[in-house]
């Protein structure tokens, strides 16, 4: 009998939290494609095509730097033409794009050899 009371008390506490989390998730609008004219995108020099970055304005840029190779891409994101980026909240960036926040993804560690 004690375990039933314990279970019901935990359920009474957890149910509102679970419901609140679900409602909060529903309130988040779907992500939209980031435009180069977005104020934050402009501040970070975002371009949808890494080959169109102004080298004189952004000398640190290298053509091989692309959003799909950046550490700021949301973890577990599916590959595609547009991908979620943690630098731009709830926005999708072009996989072949670039911005000043670019940070190369770390190389996966090799598995130890037996």
PDB file of N, CA and C in Angstrom:
ATOM      1  N   UNK A   1       0.821  -1.191   0.000  1.00  0.00           N
ATOM      2  CA  UNK A   1       0.000   0.000   0.000  1.00  0.00           C
ATOM      3  C   UNK A   1       0.865   1.256   0.000  1.00  0.00           C
ATOM      4  N   UNK A   2       1.967   1.163   0.673  1.00  0.00           N
ATOM      5  CA  UNK A   2       2.868   2.296   0.740  1.00  0.00           C
ATOM      6  C   UNK A   2       3.415   2.644  -0.640  1.00  0.00           C
ATOM      7  N   UNK A   3       3.722   1.644  -1.449  1.00  0.00           N
ATOM      8  CA  UNK A   3       4.281   1.914  -2.768  1.00  0.00           C
ATOM      9  C   UNK A   3       3.232   2.549  -3.694  1.00  0.00           C
ATOM     10  N   UNK A   4       1.956   2.208  -3.517  1.00  0.00           N
ATOM     11  CA  UNK A   4       0.912   2.823  -4.330  1.00  0.00           C
ATOM     12  C   UNK A   4       0.802   4.308  -3.995  1.00  0.00           C
ATOM     13  N   UNK A   5       0.836   4.647  -2.721  1.00  0.00           N
ATOM     14  CA  UNK A   5       0.783   6.053  -2.315  1.00  0.00           C
ATOM     15  C   UNK A   5       1.994   6.808  -2.867  1.00  0.00           C
ATOM     16  N   UNK A   6       3.137   6.172  -2.774  1.00  0.00           N
ATOM     17  CA  UNK A   6       4.364   6.783  -3.276  1.00  0.00           C
ATOM     18  C   UNK A   6       4.244   7.039  -4.781  1.00  0.00           C
ATOM     19  N   UNK A   7       3.745   6.051  -5.515  1.00  0.00           N
ATOM     20  CA  UNK A   7       3.574   6.182  -6.955  1.00  0.00           C
ATOM     21  C   UNK A   7       2.596   7.310  -7.285  1.00  0.00           C
ATOM     22  N   UNK A   8       1.461   7.356  -6.607  1.00  0.00           N
ATOM     23  CA  UNK A   8       0.455   8.381  -6.883  1.00  0.00           C
ATOM     24  C   UNK A   8       0.969   9.780  -6.549  1.00  0.00           C
ATOM     25  N   UNK A   9       1.741   9.887  -5.470  1.00  0.00           N
ATOM     26  CA  UNK A   9       2.277  11.206  -5.121  1.00  0.00           C
ATOM     27  C   UNK A   9       3.287  11.669  -6.175  1.00  0.00           C
ATOM     28  N   UNK A  10       4.097  10.739  -6.677  1.00  0.00           N
ATOM     29  CA  UNK A  10       5.058  11.082  -7.731  1.00  0.00           C
ATOM     30  C   UNK A  10       4.318  11.447  -9.023  1.00  0.00           C
ATOM     31  N   UNK A  11       3.259  10.717  -9.329  1.00  0.00           N
ATOM     32  CA  UNK A  11       2.477  10.981 -10.525  1.00  0.00           C
ATOM     33  C   UNK A  11       1.834  12.365 -10.446  1.00  0.00           C
ATOM     34  N   UNK A  12       1.306  12.703  -9.285  1.00  0.00           N
ATOM     35  CA  UNK A  12       0.673  14.008  -9.106  1.00  0.00           C
ATOM     36  C   UNK A  12       1.681  15.138  -9.303  1.00  0.00           C
ATOM     37  N   UNK A  13       2.925  14.890  -8.943  1.00  0.00           N
ATOM     38  CA  UNK A  13       3.971  15.898  -9.096  1.00  0.00           C
ATOM     39  C   UNK A  13       4.477  15.961 -10.540  1.00  0.00           C
ATOM     40  N   UNK A  14       4.629  14.812 -11.177  1.00  0.00           N
ATOM     41  CA  UNK A  14       5.243  14.742 -12.504  1.00  0.00           C
ATOM     42  C   UNK A  14       4.287  15.121 -13.635  1.00  0.00           C
ATOM     43  N   UNK A  15       3.010  14.856 -13.483  1.00  0.00           N
ATOM     44  CA  UNK A  15       2.058  15.104 -14.565  1.00  0.00           C
ATOM     45  C   UNK A  15       2.037  16.568 -15.015  1.00  0.00           C
ATOM     46  N   UNK A  16       1.946  17.538 -14.096  1.00  0.00           N
ATOM     47  CA  UNK A  16       1.948  18.934 -14.555  1.00  0.00           C
ATOM     48  C   UNK A  16       3.251  19.331 -15.252  1.00  0.00           C
ATOM     49  N   UNK A  17       4.369  18.775 -14.805  1.00  0.00           N
ATOM     50  CA  UNK A  17       5.653  19.087 -15.436  1.00  0.00           C
ATOM     51  C   UNK A  17       5.674  18.547 -16.860  1.00  0.00           C
ATOM     52  N   UNK A  18       5.244  17.317 -17.034  1.00  0.00           N
ATOM     53  CA  UNK A  18       5.218  16.710 -18.365  1.00  0.00           C
ATOM     54  C   UNK A  18       4.274  17.476 -19.286  1.00  0.00           C
ATOM     55  N   UNK A  19       3.119  17.859 -18.779  1.00  0.00           N
ATOM     56  CA  UNK A  19       2.155  18.602 -19.576  1.00  0.00           C
ATOM     57  C   UNK A  19       2.709  19.972 -19.946  1.00  0.00           C
ATOM     58  N   UNK A  20       3.349  20.636 -18.989  1.00  0.00           N
ATOM     59  CA  UNK A  20       3.939  21.950 -19.254  1.00  0.00           C
ATOM     60  C   UNK A  20       5.025  21.875 -20.307  1.00  0.00           C
ATOM     61  N   UNK A  21       5.854  20.857 -20.245  1.00  0.00           N
ATOM     62  CA  UNK A  21       6.915  20.675 -21.234  1.00  0.00           C
ATOM     63  C   UNK A  21       6.320  20.452 -22.614  1.00  0.00           C
ATOM     64  N   UNK A  22       5.277  19.666 -22.671  1.00  0.00           N
ATOM     65  CA  UNK A  22       4.636  19.387 -23.958  1.00  0.00           C
ATOM     66  C   UNK A  22       3.997  20.652 -24.530  1.00  0.00           C
ATOM     67  N   UNK A  23       3.348  21.437 -23.685  1.00  0.00           N
ATOM     68  CA  UNK A  23       2.732  22.674 -24.156  1.00  0.00           C
ATOM     69  C   UNK A  23       3.790  23.670 -24.612  1.00  0.00           C
ATOM     70  N   UNK A  24       4.897  23.742 -23.890  1.00  0.00           N
ATOM     71  CA  UNK A  24       5.979  24.651 -24.280  1.00  0.00           C
ATOM     72  C   UNK A  24       6.541  24.257 -25.636  1.00  0.00           C
ATOM     73  N   UNK A  25       6.668  22.974 -25.881  1.00  0.00           N
ATOM     74  CA  UNK A  25       7.184  22.500 -27.166  1.00  0.00           C
ATOM     75  C   UNK A  25       6.220  22.853 -28.295  1.00  0.00           C
ATOM     76  N   UNK A  26       4.926  22.842 -28.012  1.00  0.00           N
ATOM     77  CA  UNK A  26       3.935  23.168 -29.029  1.00  0.00           C
ATOM     78  C   UNK A  26       3.935  24.658 -29.345  1.00  0.00           C
ATOM     79  N   UNK A  27       4.338  25.499 -28.389  1.00  0.00           N
ATOM     80  CA  UNK A  27       4.339  26.939 -28.595  1.00  0.00           C
ATOM     81  C   UNK A  27       5.489  27.407 -29.477  1.00  0.00           C
ATOM     82  N   UNK A  28       6.521  26.603 -29.627  1.00  0.00           N
ATOM     83  CA  UNK A  28       7.670  26.981 -30.443  1.00  0.00           C
ATOM     84  C   UNK A  28       7.302  26.859 -31.914  1.00  0.00           C
ATOM     85  N   UNK A  29       7.394  27.970 -32.651  1.00  0.00           N
ATOM     86  CA  UNK A  29       7.060  27.883 -34.077  1.00  0.00           C
ATOM     87  C   UNK A  29       8.105  27.061 -34.823  1.00  0.00           C
ATOM     88  N   UNK A  30       7.734  26.513 -35.966  1.00  0.00           N
ATOM     89  CA  UNK A  30       8.713  25.736 -36.739  1.00  0.00           C
ATOM     90  C   UNK A  30       9.847  26.648 -37.206  1.00  0.00           C
ATOM     91  N   UNK A  31      11.053  26.099 -37.357  1.00  0.00           N
ATOM     92  CA  UNK A  31      12.176  26.930 -37.790  1.00  0.00           C
ATOM     93  C   UNK A  31      11.973  27.451 -39.207  1.00  0.00           C
ATOM     94  N   UNK A  32      12.533  28.630 -39.462  1.00  0.00           N
ATOM     95  CA  UNK A  32      12.439  29.250 -40.787  1.00  0.00           C
ATOM     96  C   UNK A  32      13.843  29.422 -41.355  1.00  0.00           C
ATOM     97  N   UNK A  33      13.933  29.548 -42.666  1.00  0.00           N
ATOM     98  CA  UNK A  33      15.227  29.749 -43.318  1.00  0.00           C
ATOM     99  C   UNK A  33      15.758  31.141 -42.976  1.00  0.00           C
ATOM    100  N   UNK A  34      17.023  31.193 -42.625  1.00  0.00           N
ATOM    101  CA  UNK A  34      17.679  32.457 -42.313  1.00  0.00           C
ATOM    102  C   UNK A  34      17.975  33.206 -43.607  1.00  0.00           C
ATOM    103  N   UNK A  35      17.583  34.454 -43.645  1.00  0.00           N
ATOM    104  CA  UNK A  35      17.855  35.301 -44.808  1.00  0.00           C
ATOM    105  C   UNK A  35      19.119  36.112 -44.545  1.00  0.00           C
ATOM    106  N   UNK A  36      19.860  36.415 -45.583  1.00  0.00           N
ATOM    107  CA  UNK A  36      21.073  37.213 -45.442  1.00  0.00           C
ATOM    108  C   UNK A  36      20.773  38.621 -44.951  1.00  0.00           C
ATOM    109  N   UNK A  37      19.525  39.072 -45.108  1.00  0.00           N
ATOM    110  CA  UNK A  37      19.129  40.414 -44.687  1.00  0.00           C
ATOM    111  C   UNK A  37      18.705  40.476 -43.222  1.00  0.00           C
ATOM    112  N   UNK A  38      18.630  39.331 -42.549  1.00  0.00           N
ATOM    113  CA  UNK A  38      18.296  39.290 -41.123  1.00  0.00           C
ATOM    114  C   UNK A  38      19.371  40.076 -40.365  1.00  0.00           C
ATOM    115  N   UNK A  39      18.982  40.933 -39.388  1.00  0.00           N
ATOM    116  CA  UNK A  39      19.973  41.745 -38.671  1.00  0.00           C
ATOM    117  C   UNK A  39      21.094  40.935 -38.010  1.00  0.00           C
ATOM    118  N   UNK A  40      20.765  39.805 -37.401  1.00  0.00           N
ATOM    119  CA  UNK A  40      21.796  38.977 -36.761  1.00  0.00           C
ATOM    120  C   UNK A  40      22.689  38.353 -37.834  1.00  0.00           C
ATOM    121  N   UNK A  41      22.089  37.924 -38.933  1.00  0.00           N
ATOM    122  CA  UNK A  41      22.864  37.350 -40.034  1.00  0.00           C
ATOM    123  C   UNK A  41      23.834  38.388 -40.593  1.00  0.00           C
ATOM    124  N   UNK A  42      23.376  39.609 -40.740  1.00  0.00           N
ATOM    125  CA  UNK A  42      24.236  40.675 -41.250  1.00  0.00           C
ATOM    126  C   UNK A  42      25.376  40.965 -40.276  1.00  0.00           C
ATOM    127  N   UNK A  43      25.075  40.948 -38.985  1.00  0.00           N
ATOM    128  CA  UNK A  43      26.106  41.211 -37.974  1.00  0.00           C
ATOM    129  C   UNK A  43      27.196  40.144 -37.989  1.00  0.00           C
ATOM    130  N   UNK A  44      26.815  38.904 -38.341  1.00  0.00           N
ATOM    131  CA  UNK A  44      27.785  37.806 -38.377  1.00  0.00           C
ATOM    132  C   UNK A  44      28.312  37.529 -39.787  1.00  0.00           C
ATOM    133  N   UNK A  45      27.955  38.385 -40.739  1.00  0.00           N
ATOM    134  CA  UNK A  45      28.458  38.229 -42.101  1.00  0.00           C
ATOM    135  C   UNK A  45      27.962  36.982 -42.800  1.00  0.00           C
ATOM    136  N   UNK A  46      26.765  36.498 -42.434  1.00  0.00           N
ATOM    137  CA  UNK A  46      26.221  35.260 -43.004  1.00  0.00           C
ATOM    138  C   UNK A  46      25.979  35.386 -44.503  1.00  0.00           C
ATOM    139  N   UNK A  47      26.442  34.390 -45.227  1.00  0.00           N
ATOM    140  CA  UNK A  47      26.160  34.249 -46.657  1.00  0.00           C
ATOM    141  C   UNK A  47      25.658  32.833 -46.888  1.00  0.00           C
ATOM    142  N   UNK A  48      24.650  32.698 -47.734  1.00  0.00           N
ATOM    143  CA  UNK A  48      24.084  31.384 -48.023  1.00  0.00           C
ATOM    144  C   UNK A  48      25.019  30.532 -48.871  1.00  0.00           C
ATOM    145  N   UNK A  49      25.987  31.169 -49.525  1.00  0.00           N
ATOM    146  CA  UNK A  49      26.961  30.453 -50.353  1.00  0.00           C
ATOM    147  C   UNK A  49      28.357  30.879 -49.910  1.00  0.00           C
ATOM    148  N   UNK A  50      29.116  29.941 -49.377  1.00  0.00           N
ATOM    149  CA  UNK A  50      30.456  30.250 -48.865  1.00  0.00           C
ATOM    150  C   UNK A  50      31.363  30.848 -49.935  1.00  0.00           C
ATOM    151  N   UNK A  51      31.095  30.563 -51.203  1.00  0.00           N
ATOM    152  CA  UNK A  51      31.918  31.090 -52.296  1.00  0.00           C
ATOM    153  C   UNK A  51      31.630  32.558 -52.603  1.00  0.00           C
ATOM    154  N   UNK A  52      30.579  33.120 -51.994  1.00  0.00           N
ATOM    155  CA  UNK A  52      30.222  34.519 -52.239  1.00  0.00           C
ATOM    156  C   UNK A  52      30.626  35.437 -51.082  1.00  0.00           C
ATOM    157  N   UNK A  53      31.425  34.924 -50.148  1.00  0.00           N
ATOM    158  CA  UNK A  53      31.885  35.728 -49.014  1.00  0.00           C
ATOM    159  C   UNK A  53      32.959  36.697 -49.498  1.00  0.00           C
ATOM    160  N   UNK A  54      32.856  37.950 -49.071  1.00  0.00           N
ATOM    161  CA  UNK A  54      33.822  38.991 -49.430  1.00  0.00           C
ATOM    162  C   UNK A  54      35.127  38.758 -48.663  1.00  0.00           C
ATOM    163  N   UNK A  55      36.160  38.303 -49.374  1.00  0.00           N
ATOM    164  CA  UNK A  55      37.446  37.976 -48.743  1.00  0.00           C
ATOM    165  C   UNK A  55      38.143  39.192 -48.148  1.00  0.00           C
ATOM    166  N   UNK A  56      37.910  40.373 -48.699  1.00  0.00           N
ATOM    167  CA  UNK A  56      38.553  41.563 -48.135  1.00  0.00           C
ATOM    168  C   UNK A  56      37.891  41.959 -46.820  1.00  0.00           C
ATOM    169  N   UNK A  57      36.589  41.762 -46.731  1.00  0.00           N
ATOM    170  CA  UNK A  57      35.858  42.090 -45.503  1.00  0.00           C
ATOM    171  C   UNK A  57      36.044  41.014 -44.433  1.00  0.00           C
ATOM    172  N   UNK A  58      36.180  39.755 -44.862  1.00  0.00           N
ATOM    173  CA  UNK A  58      36.327  38.621 -43.937  1.00  0.00           C
ATOM    174  C   UNK A  58      37.566  37.809 -44.310  1.00  0.00           C
ATOM    175  N   UNK A  59      38.772  38.323 -44.001  1.00  0.00           N
ATOM    176  CA  UNK A  59      39.998  37.624 -44.402  1.00  0.00           C
ATOM    177  C   UNK A  59      40.185  36.266 -43.726  1.00  0.00           C
ATOM    178  N   UNK A  60      39.495  36.033 -42.604  1.00  0.00           N
ATOM    179  CA  UNK A  60      39.614  34.742 -41.909  1.00  0.00           C
ATOM    180  C   UNK A  60      38.851  33.631 -42.628  1.00  0.00           C
ATOM    181  N   UNK A  61      37.988  33.993 -43.573  1.00  0.00           N
ATOM    182  CA  UNK A  61      37.174  33.010 -44.296  1.00  0.00           C
ATOM    183  C   UNK A  61      38.030  32.164 -45.232  1.00  0.00           C
ATOM    184  N   UNK A  62      37.703  30.874 -45.262  1.00  0.00           N
ATOM    185  CA  UNK A  62      38.321  29.948 -46.215  1.00  0.00           C
ATOM    186  C   UNK A  62      37.183  29.272 -46.972  1.00  0.00           C
ATOM    187  N   UNK A  63      37.300  29.098 -48.290  1.00  0.00           N
ATOM    188  CA  UNK A  63      36.207  28.525 -49.086  1.00  0.00           C
ATOM    189  C   UNK A  63      35.722  27.155 -48.609  1.00  0.00           C
ATOM    190  N   UNK A  64      36.596  26.374 -47.974  1.00  0.00           N
ATOM    191  CA  UNK A  64      36.168  25.046 -47.503  1.00  0.00           C
ATOM    192  C   UNK A  64      35.347  25.116 -46.213  1.00  0.00           C
ATOM    193  N   UNK A  65      35.253  26.302 -45.603  1.00  0.00           N
ATOM    194  CA  UNK A  65      34.436  26.460 -44.396  1.00  0.00           C
ATOM    195  C   UNK A  65      32.974  26.588 -44.818  1.00  0.00           C
ATOM    196  N   UNK A  66      32.180  25.625 -44.399  1.00  0.00           N
ATOM    197  CA  UNK A  66      30.752  25.598 -44.730  1.00  0.00           C
ATOM    198  C   UNK A  66      29.958  25.310 -43.464  1.00  0.00           C
ATOM    199  N   UNK A  67      28.722  25.766 -43.435  1.00  0.00           N
ATOM    200  CA  UNK A  67      27.873  25.541 -42.265  1.00  0.00           C
ATOM    201  C   UNK A  67      27.741  24.060 -41.922  1.00  0.00           C
ATOM    202  N   UNK A  68      27.690  23.192 -42.922  1.00  0.00           N
ATOM    203  CA  UNK A  68      27.530  21.767 -42.620  1.00  0.00           C
ATOM    204  C   UNK A  68      28.781  21.150 -41.997  1.00  0.00           C
ATOM    205  N   UNK A  69      29.874  21.902 -41.923  1.00  0.00           N
ATOM    206  CA  UNK A  69      31.087  21.433 -41.265  1.00  0.00           C
ATOM    207  C   UNK A  69      31.388  22.210 -39.996  1.00  0.00           C
ATOM    208  N   UNK A  70      30.386  22.937 -39.494  1.00  0.00           N
ATOM    209  CA  UNK A  70      30.560  23.802 -38.328  1.00  0.00           C
ATOM    210  C   UNK A  70      30.084  23.116 -37.045  1.00  0.00           C
ATOM    211  N   UNK A  71      30.783  23.372 -35.960  1.00  0.00           N
ATOM    212  CA  UNK A  71      30.431  22.798 -34.658  1.00  0.00           C
ATOM    213  C   UNK A  71      29.149  23.398 -34.092  1.00  0.00           C
ATOM    214  N   UNK A  72      28.687  24.517 -34.634  1.00  0.00           N
ATOM    215  CA  UNK A  72      27.481  25.165 -34.117  1.00  0.00           C
ATOM    216  C   UNK A  72      26.184  24.594 -34.685  1.00  0.00           C
ATOM    217  N   UNK A  73      26.298  23.670 -35.640  1.00  0.00           N
ATOM    218  CA  UNK A  73      25.095  23.001 -36.150  1.00  0.00           C
ATOM    219  C   UNK A  73      24.492  22.217 -34.994  1.00  0.00           C
ATOM    220  N   UNK A  74      23.180  22.324 -34.838  1.00  0.00           N
ATOM    221  CA  UNK A  74      22.506  21.642 -33.733  1.00  0.00           C
ATOM    222  C   UNK A  74      22.823  20.150 -33.758  1.00  0.00           C
ATOM    223  N   UNK A  75      23.235  19.590 -32.617  1.00  0.00           N
ATOM    224  CA  UNK A  75      23.585  18.159 -32.560  1.00  0.00           C
ATOM    225  C   UNK A  75      22.430  17.272 -33.014  1.00  0.00           C
ATOM    226  N   UNK A  76      22.754  16.238 -33.756  1.00  0.00           N
ATOM    227  CA  UNK A  76      21.744  15.288 -34.219  1.00  0.00           C
ATOM    228  C   UNK A  76      20.911  15.789 -35.377  1.00  0.00           C
ATOM    229  N   UNK A  77      21.313  16.895 -35.995  1.00  0.00           N
ATOM    230  CA  UNK A  77      20.553  17.443 -37.115  1.00  0.00           C
ATOM    231  C   UNK A  77      20.694  16.557 -38.341  1.00  0.00           C
ATOM    232  N   UNK A  78      19.587  16.345 -39.047  1.00  0.00           N
ATOM    233  CA  UNK A  78      19.696  15.568 -40.280  1.00  0.00           C
ATOM    234  C   UNK A  78      20.406  16.391 -41.353  1.00  0.00           C
ATOM    235  N   UNK A  79      21.128  15.719 -42.226  1.00  0.00           N
ATOM    236  CA  UNK A  79      21.793  16.410 -43.333  1.00  0.00           C
ATOM    237  C   UNK A  79      20.727  16.902 -44.298  1.00  0.00           C
ATOM    238  N   UNK A  80      20.991  18.010 -44.931  1.00  0.00           N
ATOM    239  CA  UNK A  80      20.042  18.548 -45.893  1.00  0.00           C
ATOM    240  C   UNK A  80      20.540  19.866 -46.440  1.00  0.00           C
ATOM    241  N   UNK A  81      19.728  20.490 -47.283  1.00  0.00           N
ATOM    242  CA  UNK A  81      20.099  21.766 -47.889  1.00  0.00           C
ATOM    243  C   UNK A  81      20.108  22.882 -46.846  1.00  0.00           C
ATOM    244  N   UNK A  82      19.192  22.801 -45.867  1.00  0.00           N
ATOM    245  CA  UNK A  82      19.128  23.771 -44.774  1.00  0.00           C
ATOM    246  C   UNK A  82      19.169  23.014 -43.456  1.00  0.00           C
ATOM    247  N   UNK A  83      19.969  23.531 -42.508  1.00  0.00           N
ATOM    248  CA  UNK A  83      20.198  22.842 -41.238  1.00  0.00           C
ATOM    249  C   UNK A  83      20.069  23.824 -40.079  1.00  0.00           C
ATOM    250  N   UNK A  84      19.632  23.352 -38.896  1.00  0.00           N
ATOM    251  CA  UNK A  84      19.507  24.247 -37.746  1.00  0.00           C
ATOM    252  C   UNK A  84      20.872  24.607 -37.172  1.00  0.00           C
ATOM    253  N   UNK A  85      21.033  25.876 -36.807  1.00  0.00           N
ATOM    254  CA  UNK A  85      22.292  26.368 -36.249  1.00  0.00           C
ATOM    255  C   UNK A  85      22.017  26.994 -34.888  1.00  0.00           C
ATOM    256  N   UNK A  86      22.850  26.683 -33.915  1.00  0.00           N
ATOM    257  CA  UNK A  86      22.650  27.212 -32.563  1.00  0.00           C
ATOM    258  C   UNK A  86      22.985  28.700 -32.470  1.00  0.00           C
ATOM    259  N   UNK A  87      23.698  29.249 -33.437  1.00  0.00           N
ATOM    260  CA  UNK A  87      24.019  30.680 -33.427  1.00  0.00           C
ATOM    261  C   UNK A  87      22.805  31.523 -33.812  1.00  0.00           C
ATOM    262  N   UNK A  88      21.878  30.932 -34.546  1.00  0.00           N
ATOM    263  CA  UNK A  88      20.684  31.636 -34.998  1.00  0.00           C
ATOM    264  C   UNK A  88      19.464  30.885 -34.477  1.00  0.00           C
ATOM    265  N   UNK A  89      18.913  31.338 -33.366  1.00  0.00           N
ATOM    266  CA  UNK A  89      17.810  30.631 -32.711  1.00  0.00           C
ATOM    267  C   UNK A  89      16.638  30.382 -33.645  1.00  0.00           C
ATOM    268  N   UNK A  90      16.209  29.135 -33.691  1.00  0.00           N
ATOM    269  CA  UNK A  90      15.039  28.706 -34.461  1.00  0.00           C
ATOM    270  C   UNK A  90      15.109  29.106 -35.937  1.00  0.00           C
ATOM    271  N   UNK A  91      16.325  29.137 -36.480  1.00  0.00           N
ATOM    272  CA  UNK A  91      16.509  29.456 -37.896  1.00  0.00           C
ATOM    273  C   UNK A  91      17.324  28.344 -38.548  1.00  0.00           C
ATOM    274  N   UNK A  92      17.077  28.145 -39.826  1.00  0.00           N
ATOM    275  CA  UNK A  92      17.816  27.160 -40.617  1.00  0.00           C
ATOM    276  C   UNK A  92      18.808  27.897 -41.507  1.00  0.00           C
ATOM    277  N   UNK A  93      20.036  27.433 -41.535  1.00  0.00           N
ATOM    278  CA  UNK A  93      21.066  28.040 -42.376  1.00  0.00           C
ATOM    279  C   UNK A  93      21.335  27.132 -43.571  1.00  0.00           C
ATOM    280  N   UNK A  94      21.832  27.719 -44.636  1.00  0.00           N
ATOM    281  CA  UNK A  94      22.185  26.932 -45.820  1.00  0.00           C
ATOM    282  C   UNK A  94      23.383  26.054 -45.486  1.00  0.00           C
ATOM    283  N   UNK A  95      23.323  24.786 -45.855  1.00  0.00           N
ATOM    284  CA  UNK A  95      24.419  23.854 -45.571  1.00  0.00           C
ATOM    285  C   UNK A  95      25.723  24.342 -46.190  1.00  0.00           C
ATOM    286  N   UNK A  96      25.643  25.010 -47.327  1.00  0.00           N
ATOM    287  CA  UNK A  96      26.823  25.525 -48.003  1.00  0.00           C
ATOM    288  C   UNK A  96      27.137  26.965 -47.655  1.00  0.00           C
ATOM    289  N   UNK A  97      26.541  27.465 -46.569  1.00  0.00           N
ATOM    290  CA  UNK A  97      26.737  28.849 -46.160  1.00  0.00           C
ATOM    291  C   UNK A  97      27.932  29.046 -45.248  1.00  0.00           C
ATOM    292  N   UNK A  98      28.084  30.292 -44.759  1.00  0.00           N
ATOM    293  CA  UNK A  98      29.192  30.640 -43.862  1.00  0.00           C
ATOM    294  C   UNK A  98      28.824  31.874 -43.057  1.00  0.00           C
ATOM    295  N   UNK A  99      29.377  31.975 -41.841  1.00  0.00           N
ATOM    296  CA  UNK A  99      29.308  33.204 -41.051  1.00  0.00           C
ATOM    297  C   UNK A  99      30.560  33.300 -40.187  1.00  0.00           C
ATOM    298  N   UNK A 100      30.774  34.465 -39.566  1.00  0.00           N
ATOM    299  CA  UNK A 100      31.975  34.688 -38.750  1.00  0.00           C
ATOM    300  C   UNK A 100      32.054  33.775 -37.535  1.00  0.00           C
ATOM    301  N   UNK A 101      30.943  33.205 -37.122  1.00  0.00           N
ATOM    302  CA  UNK A 101      30.939  32.326 -35.949  1.00  0.00           C
ATOM    303  C   UNK A 101      31.422  30.919 -36.284  1.00  0.00           C
ATOM    304  N   UNK A 102      31.820  30.682 -37.521  1.00  0.00           N
ATOM    305  CA  UNK A 102      32.232  29.340 -37.939  1.00  0.00           C
ATOM    306  C   UNK A 102      33.296  28.774 -37.009  1.00  0.00           C
ATOM    307  N   UNK A 103      33.054  27.551 -36.566  1.00  0.00           N
ATOM    308  CA  UNK A 103      34.019  26.794 -35.746  1.00  0.00           C
ATOM    309  C   UNK A 103      34.025  25.372 -36.292  1.00  0.00           C
ATOM    310  N   UNK A 104      35.164  24.940 -36.768  1.00  0.00           N
ATOM    311  CA  UNK A 104      35.247  23.621 -37.392  1.00  0.00           C
ATOM    312  C   UNK A 104      34.840  22.528 -36.412  1.00  0.00           C
ATOM    313  N   UNK A 105      34.027  21.586 -36.927  1.00  0.00           N
ATOM    314  CA  UNK A 105      33.649  20.424 -36.116  1.00  0.00           C
ATOM    315  C   UNK A 105      34.901  19.644 -35.763  1.00  0.00           C
ATOM    316  N   UNK A 106      34.994  19.175 -34.522  1.00  0.00           N
ATOM    317  CA  UNK A 106      36.155  18.345 -34.178  1.00  0.00           C
ATOM    318  C   UNK A 106      36.083  17.015 -34.923  1.00  0.00           C
ATOM    319  N   UNK A 107      37.236  16.509 -35.273  1.00  0.00           N
ATOM    320  CA  UNK A 107      37.307  15.211 -35.945  1.00  0.00           C
ATOM    321  C   UNK A 107      36.902  14.126 -34.953  1.00  0.00           C
ATOM    322  N   UNK A 108      36.137  13.126 -35.406  1.00  0.00           N
ATOM    323  CA  UNK A 108      35.763  12.044 -34.489  1.00  0.00           C
ATOM    324  C   UNK A 108      37.010  11.284 -34.034  1.00  0.00           C
ATOM    325  N   UNK A 109      37.017  10.941 -32.771  1.00  0.00           N
ATOM    326  CA  UNK A 109      38.155  10.204 -32.212  1.00  0.00           C
ATOM    327  C   UNK A 109      38.170   8.786 -32.761  1.00  0.00           C
ATOM    328  N   UNK A 110      39.360   8.286 -33.025  1.00  0.00           N
ATOM    329  CA  UNK A 110      39.482   6.907 -33.503  1.00  0.00           C
ATOM    330  C   UNK A 110      39.246   5.949 -32.346  1.00  0.00           C
ATOM    331  N   UNK A 111      38.616   4.848 -32.667  1.00  0.00           N
ATOM    332  CA  UNK A 111      38.397   3.813 -31.648  1.00  0.00           C
ATOM    333  C   UNK A 111      39.746   3.181 -31.307  1.00  0.00           C
ATOM    334  N   UNK A 112      39.975   2.891 -30.040  1.00  0.00           N
ATOM    335  CA  UNK A 112      41.245   2.261 -29.666  1.00  0.00           C
ATOM    336  C   UNK A 112      41.379   0.889 -30.318  1.00  0.00           C
ATOM    337  N   UNK A 113      42.589   0.586 -30.739  1.00  0.00           N
ATOM    338  CA  UNK A 113      42.841  -0.705 -31.383  1.00  0.00           C
ATOM    339  C   UNK A 113      43.116  -1.750 -30.310  1.00  0.00           C
ATOM    340  N   UNK A 114      42.519  -2.940 -30.498  1.00  0.00           N
ATOM    341  CA  UNK A 114      42.693  -3.984 -29.471  1.00  0.00           C
ATOM    342  C   UNK A 114      44.089  -4.540 -29.433  1.00  0.00           C
TER     343      UNK A 114
END
